Amino acid sequence: MSYQQYGISPQLVERIKQKMKNPAVKERVKGVVQGLSKVDLQNSAKVQQLVRTCTGILDEKLSPVQEQQIVKFVLAQRIDPNNTFHLIKLWGMFR
């Protein structure tokens, strides 16, 4: 299922992808997500805090609706960061 089906705009995704090309920004975001588990990524409050932290690092201003769309998207993906297949699938979605 595509992120667009959750109302997340391709323009937002492209802006974030561009910002993530900055090595300093990328390392800060990696530090935030390092060590997350599948349980963490199924916890709505934890995911919402992650979204807020990462958008702060990326200097992106999200509306409450955009924030909820991203949280719902992450929860629906049932991401297991220790499962290589899940990570490849996500990578393919945002290539």
N, C-alpha and C. Protein backbone atom coordinates (compact mmCIF):
# COMPACT_ATOMS: atom_id res chain seq x y z
N MET A 1 0.85 -1.18 0.00
CA MET A 1 0.00 0.00 0.00
C MET A 1 0.89 1.25 0.00
N SER A 2 0.56 2.19 -0.80
CA SER A 2 1.38 3.39 -0.99
C SER A 2 1.10 4.44 0.09
N TYR A 3 2.11 5.21 0.39
CA TYR A 3 1.95 6.30 1.36
C TYR A 3 0.90 7.31 0.88
N GLN A 4 0.73 7.43 -0.45
CA GLN A 4 -0.24 8.39 -0.99
C GLN A 4 -1.67 8.01 -0.59
N GLN A 5 -1.92 6.73 -0.38
CA GLN A 5 -3.25 6.30 0.02
C GLN A 5 -3.60 6.75 1.44
N TYR A 6 -2.59 7.20 2.16
CA TYR A 6 -2.80 7.72 3.51
C TYR A 6 -2.87 9.24 3.51
N GLY A 7 -2.84 9.84 2.32
CA GLY A 7 -2.95 11.28 2.20
C GLY A 7 -1.63 12.01 2.34
N ILE A 8 -0.53 11.28 2.32
CA ILE A 8 0.80 11.88 2.43
C ILE A 8 1.22 12.34 1.03
N SER A 9 1.56 13.61 0.91
CA SER A 9 1.84 14.17 -0.41
C SER A 9 3.23 13.76 -0.92
N PRO A 10 3.32 13.49 -2.22
CA PRO A 10 4.62 13.18 -2.82
C PRO A 10 5.62 14.34 -2.67
N GLN A 11 5.11 15.57 -2.63
CA GLN A 11 5.98 16.74 -2.47
C GLN A 11 6.67 16.71 -1.10
N LEU A 12 5.91 16.35 -0.06
CA LEU A 12 6.48 16.25 1.28
C LEU A 12 7.56 15.16 1.31
N VAL A 13 7.25 14.03 0.72
CA VAL A 13 8.22 12.92 0.68
C VAL A 13 9.49 13.35 -0.05
N GLU A 14 9.34 14.04 -1.17
CA GLU A 14 10.52 14.48 -1.94
C GLU A 14 11.36 15.48 -1.14
N ARG A 15 10.69 16.41 -0.42
CA ARG A 15 11.43 17.37 0.40
C ARG A 15 12.23 16.65 1.48
N ILE A 16 11.61 15.68 2.11
CA ILE A 16 12.28 14.94 3.18
C ILE A 16 13.43 14.12 2.61
N LYS A 17 13.22 13.50 1.46
CA LYS A 17 14.31 12.74 0.83
C LYS A 17 15.50 13.63 0.53
N GLN A 18 15.24 14.84 0.04
CA GLN A 18 16.32 15.79 -0.25
C GLN A 18 17.08 16.17 1.03
N LYS A 19 16.33 16.45 2.08
CA LYS A 19 16.96 16.84 3.34
C LYS A 19 17.76 15.69 3.95
N MET A 20 17.32 14.46 3.73
CA MET A 20 18.01 13.29 4.27
C MET A 20 19.33 13.02 3.55
N LYS A 21 19.56 13.68 2.42
CA LYS A 21 20.83 13.53 1.70
C LYS A 21 21.95 14.28 2.41
N ASN A 22 21.59 15.20 3.31
CA ASN A 22 22.58 15.92 4.10
C ASN A 22 23.11 14.95 5.16
N PRO A 23 24.41 14.61 5.13
CA PRO A 23 24.95 13.61 6.07
C PRO A 23 24.72 13.94 7.55
N ALA A 24 24.80 15.20 7.93
CA ALA A 24 24.59 15.58 9.34
C ALA A 24 23.14 15.30 9.76
N VAL A 25 22.20 15.67 8.90
CA VAL A 25 20.78 15.44 9.19
C VAL A 25 20.51 13.94 9.25
N LYS A 26 21.04 13.22 8.28
CA LYS A 26 20.84 11.76 8.22
C LYS A 26 21.33 11.09 9.51
N GLU A 27 22.49 11.49 9.99
CA GLU A 27 23.05 10.90 11.21
C GLU A 27 22.19 11.22 12.44
N ARG A 28 21.65 12.44 12.49
CA ARG A 28 20.77 12.79 13.62
C ARG A 28 19.50 11.95 13.61
N VAL A 29 18.90 11.77 12.42
CA VAL A 29 17.69 10.95 12.31
C VAL A 29 18.02 9.49 12.64
N LYS A 30 19.15 9.00 12.14
CA LYS A 30 19.55 7.63 12.44
C LYS A 30 19.70 7.42 13.95
N GLY A 31 20.22 8.42 14.63
CA GLY A 31 20.37 8.33 16.08
C GLY A 31 19.03 8.21 16.79
N VAL A 32 18.02 8.86 16.24
CA VAL A 32 16.67 8.81 16.84
C VAL A 32 16.04 7.44 16.64
N VAL A 33 16.21 6.85 15.46
CA VAL A 33 15.53 5.59 15.15
C VAL A 33 16.35 4.35 15.51
N GLN A 34 17.62 4.55 15.87
CA GLN A 34 18.48 3.44 16.23
C GLN A 34 17.89 2.68 17.43
N GLY A 35 17.82 1.38 17.32
CA GLY A 35 17.38 0.57 18.44
C GLY A 35 15.88 0.43 18.59
N LEU A 36 15.11 0.96 17.64
CA LEU A 36 13.65 0.81 17.72
C LEU A 36 13.27 -0.65 17.46
N SER A 37 12.19 -1.07 18.09
CA SER A 37 11.69 -2.44 17.88
C SER A 37 10.33 -2.40 17.19
N LYS A 38 9.86 -3.57 16.80
CA LYS A 38 8.54 -3.67 16.17
C LYS A 38 7.46 -3.16 17.14
N VAL A 39 7.63 -3.47 18.42
CA VAL A 39 6.67 -3.02 19.44
C VAL A 39 6.64 -1.49 19.49
N ASP A 40 7.82 -0.86 19.44
CA ASP A 40 7.89 0.61 19.43
C ASP A 40 7.12 1.19 18.26
N LEU A 41 7.25 0.55 17.08
CA LEU A 41 6.64 1.07 15.87
C LEU A 41 5.16 0.69 15.74
N GLN A 42 4.62 0.00 16.73
CA GLN A 42 3.19 -0.27 16.79
C GLN A 42 2.52 0.52 17.92
N ASN A 43 3.31 1.34 18.59
CA ASN A 43 2.81 2.18 19.67
C ASN A 43 2.53 3.58 19.12
N SER A 44 1.26 3.92 19.03
CA SER A 44 0.84 5.19 18.42
C SER A 44 1.52 6.40 19.05
N ALA A 45 1.57 6.45 20.38
CA ALA A 45 2.17 7.59 21.06
C ALA A 45 3.67 7.68 20.76
N LYS A 46 4.34 6.54 20.73
CA LYS A 46 5.78 6.50 20.45
C LYS A 46 6.05 6.95 19.01
N VAL A 47 5.23 6.46 18.07
CA VAL A 47 5.40 6.84 16.67
C VAL A 47 5.15 8.34 16.50
N GLN A 48 4.14 8.85 17.16
CA GLN A 48 3.85 10.29 17.07
C GLN A 48 5.03 11.11 17.59
N GLN A 49 5.64 10.67 18.69
CA GLN A 49 6.81 11.37 19.23
C GLN A 49 7.98 11.28 18.26
N LEU A 50 8.16 10.13 17.62
CA LEU A 50 9.22 9.97 16.62
C LEU A 50 9.01 10.91 15.44
N VAL A 51 7.77 11.00 14.98
CA VAL A 51 7.45 11.89 13.86
C VAL A 51 7.78 13.34 14.24
N ARG A 52 7.39 13.74 15.43
CA ARG A 52 7.65 15.12 15.88
C ARG A 52 9.15 15.38 16.00
N THR A 53 9.87 14.44 16.56
CA THR A 53 11.32 14.60 16.72
C THR A 53 12.00 14.70 15.36
N CYS A 54 11.64 13.78 14.46
CA CYS A 54 12.27 13.77 13.13
C CYS A 54 11.91 14.99 12.30
N THR A 55 10.66 15.43 12.37
CA THR A 55 10.30 16.62 11.60
C THR A 55 10.99 17.86 12.17
N GLY A 56 11.27 17.86 13.46
CA GLY A 56 12.03 18.95 14.05
C GLY A 56 13.46 18.97 13.52
N ILE A 57 14.07 17.80 13.45
CA ILE A 57 15.43 17.68 12.91
C ILE A 57 15.45 18.13 11.45
N LEU A 58 14.41 17.74 10.71
CA LEU A 58 14.33 18.05 9.27
C LEU A 58 13.80 19.46 9.01
N ASP A 59 13.41 20.17 10.05
CA ASP A 59 12.84 21.51 9.93
C ASP A 59 11.62 21.51 9.00
N GLU A 60 10.75 20.52 9.20
CA GLU A 60 9.49 20.42 8.46
C GLU A 60 8.36 20.76 9.41
N LYS A 61 7.47 21.61 8.97
CA LYS A 61 6.30 21.96 9.77
C LYS A 61 5.11 21.15 9.25
N LEU A 62 4.57 20.27 10.09
CA LEU A 62 3.43 19.45 9.70
C LEU A 62 2.17 19.93 10.42
N SER A 63 1.06 19.85 9.72
CA SER A 63 -0.22 20.13 10.37
C SER A 63 -0.57 18.90 11.22
N PRO A 64 -1.47 19.05 12.18
CA PRO A 64 -1.89 17.89 12.97
C PRO A 64 -2.45 16.76 12.09
N VAL A 65 -3.12 17.12 11.00
CA VAL A 65 -3.67 16.12 10.08
C VAL A 65 -2.53 15.36 9.39
N GLN A 66 -1.53 16.08 8.90
CA GLN A 66 -0.38 15.43 8.25
C GLN A 66 0.34 14.51 9.22
N GLU A 67 0.50 14.96 10.44
CA GLU A 67 1.16 14.16 11.46
C GLU A 67 0.41 12.85 11.68
N GLN A 68 -0.92 12.94 11.80
CA GLN A 68 -1.73 11.74 12.02
C GLN A 68 -1.69 10.81 10.80
N GLN A 69 -1.64 11.38 9.60
CA GLN A 69 -1.55 10.55 8.40
C GLN A 69 -0.27 9.73 8.41
N ILE A 70 0.83 10.35 8.81
CA ILE A 70 2.11 9.65 8.86
C ILE A 70 2.09 8.58 9.95
N VAL A 71 1.53 8.90 11.11
CA VAL A 71 1.43 7.92 12.20
C VAL A 71 0.61 6.72 11.75
N LYS A 72 -0.54 6.97 11.13
CA LYS A 72 -1.39 5.87 10.65
C LYS A 72 -0.66 5.02 9.61
N PHE A 73 0.10 5.68 8.73
CA PHE A 73 0.86 4.96 7.72
C PHE A 73 1.88 4.03 8.37
N VAL A 74 2.65 4.56 9.32
CA VAL A 74 3.68 3.76 9.99
C VAL A 74 3.05 2.58 10.72
N LEU A 75 1.97 2.82 11.44
CA LEU A 75 1.31 1.74 12.18
C LEU A 75 0.79 0.66 11.22
N ALA A 76 0.23 1.08 10.09
CA ALA A 76 -0.35 0.13 9.13
C ALA A 76 0.71 -0.75 8.46
N GLN A 77 1.95 -0.27 8.39
CA GLN A 77 3.00 -1.03 7.72
C GLN A 77 3.50 -2.21 8.56
N ARG A 78 3.22 -2.19 9.85
CA ARG A 78 3.67 -3.25 10.76
C ARG A 78 5.16 -3.54 10.57
N ILE A 79 5.94 -2.48 10.64
CA ILE A 79 7.38 -2.55 10.36
C ILE A 79 8.11 -3.27 11.49
N ASP A 80 8.93 -4.23 11.10
CA ASP A 80 9.87 -4.87 12.03
C ASP A 80 11.26 -4.45 11.59
N PRO A 81 11.90 -3.53 12.31
CA PRO A 81 13.21 -3.03 11.87
C PRO A 81 14.30 -4.10 11.86
N ASN A 82 14.03 -5.25 12.45
CA ASN A 82 15.00 -6.35 12.43
C ASN A 82 14.75 -7.33 11.30
N ASN A 83 13.75 -7.04 10.48
CA ASN A 83 13.41 -7.91 9.35
C ASN A 83 13.87 -7.21 8.06
N THR A 84 14.88 -7.77 7.44
CA THR A 84 15.46 -7.17 6.24
C THR A 84 14.42 -7.01 5.14
N PHE A 85 13.50 -7.97 4.99
CA PHE A 85 12.46 -7.86 3.97
C PHE A 85 11.61 -6.61 4.18
N HIS A 86 11.26 -6.33 5.42
CA HIS A 86 10.45 -5.13 5.71
C HIS A 86 11.21 -3.87 5.31
N LEU A 87 12.49 -3.84 5.61
CA LEU A 87 13.30 -2.65 5.30
C LEU A 87 13.46 -2.47 3.80
N ILE A 88 13.63 -3.57 3.07
CA ILE A 88 13.74 -3.50 1.61
C ILE A 88 12.42 -3.01 1.01
N LYS A 89 11.32 -3.51 1.54
CA LYS A 89 9.99 -3.09 1.06
C LYS A 89 9.80 -1.58 1.26
N LEU A 90 10.17 -1.09 2.43
CA LEU A 90 10.06 0.35 2.70
C LEU A 90 10.98 1.15 1.80
N TRP A 91 12.19 0.68 1.63
CA TRP A 91 13.15 1.37 0.78
C TRP A 91 12.59 1.49 -0.64
N GLY A 92 12.00 0.41 -1.13
CA GLY A 92 11.40 0.41 -2.47
C GLY A 92 10.24 1.39 -2.59
N MET A 93 9.51 1.56 -1.52
CA MET A 93 8.36 2.46 -1.52
C MET A 93 8.78 3.92 -1.68
N PHE A 94 9.95 4.27 -1.17
CA PHE A 94 10.39 5.66 -1.15
C PHE A 94 11.58 5.94 -2.04
N ARG A 95 11.95 5.01 -2.90
CA ARG A 95 13.09 5.19 -3.78
C ARG A 95 12.97 6.37 -4.67
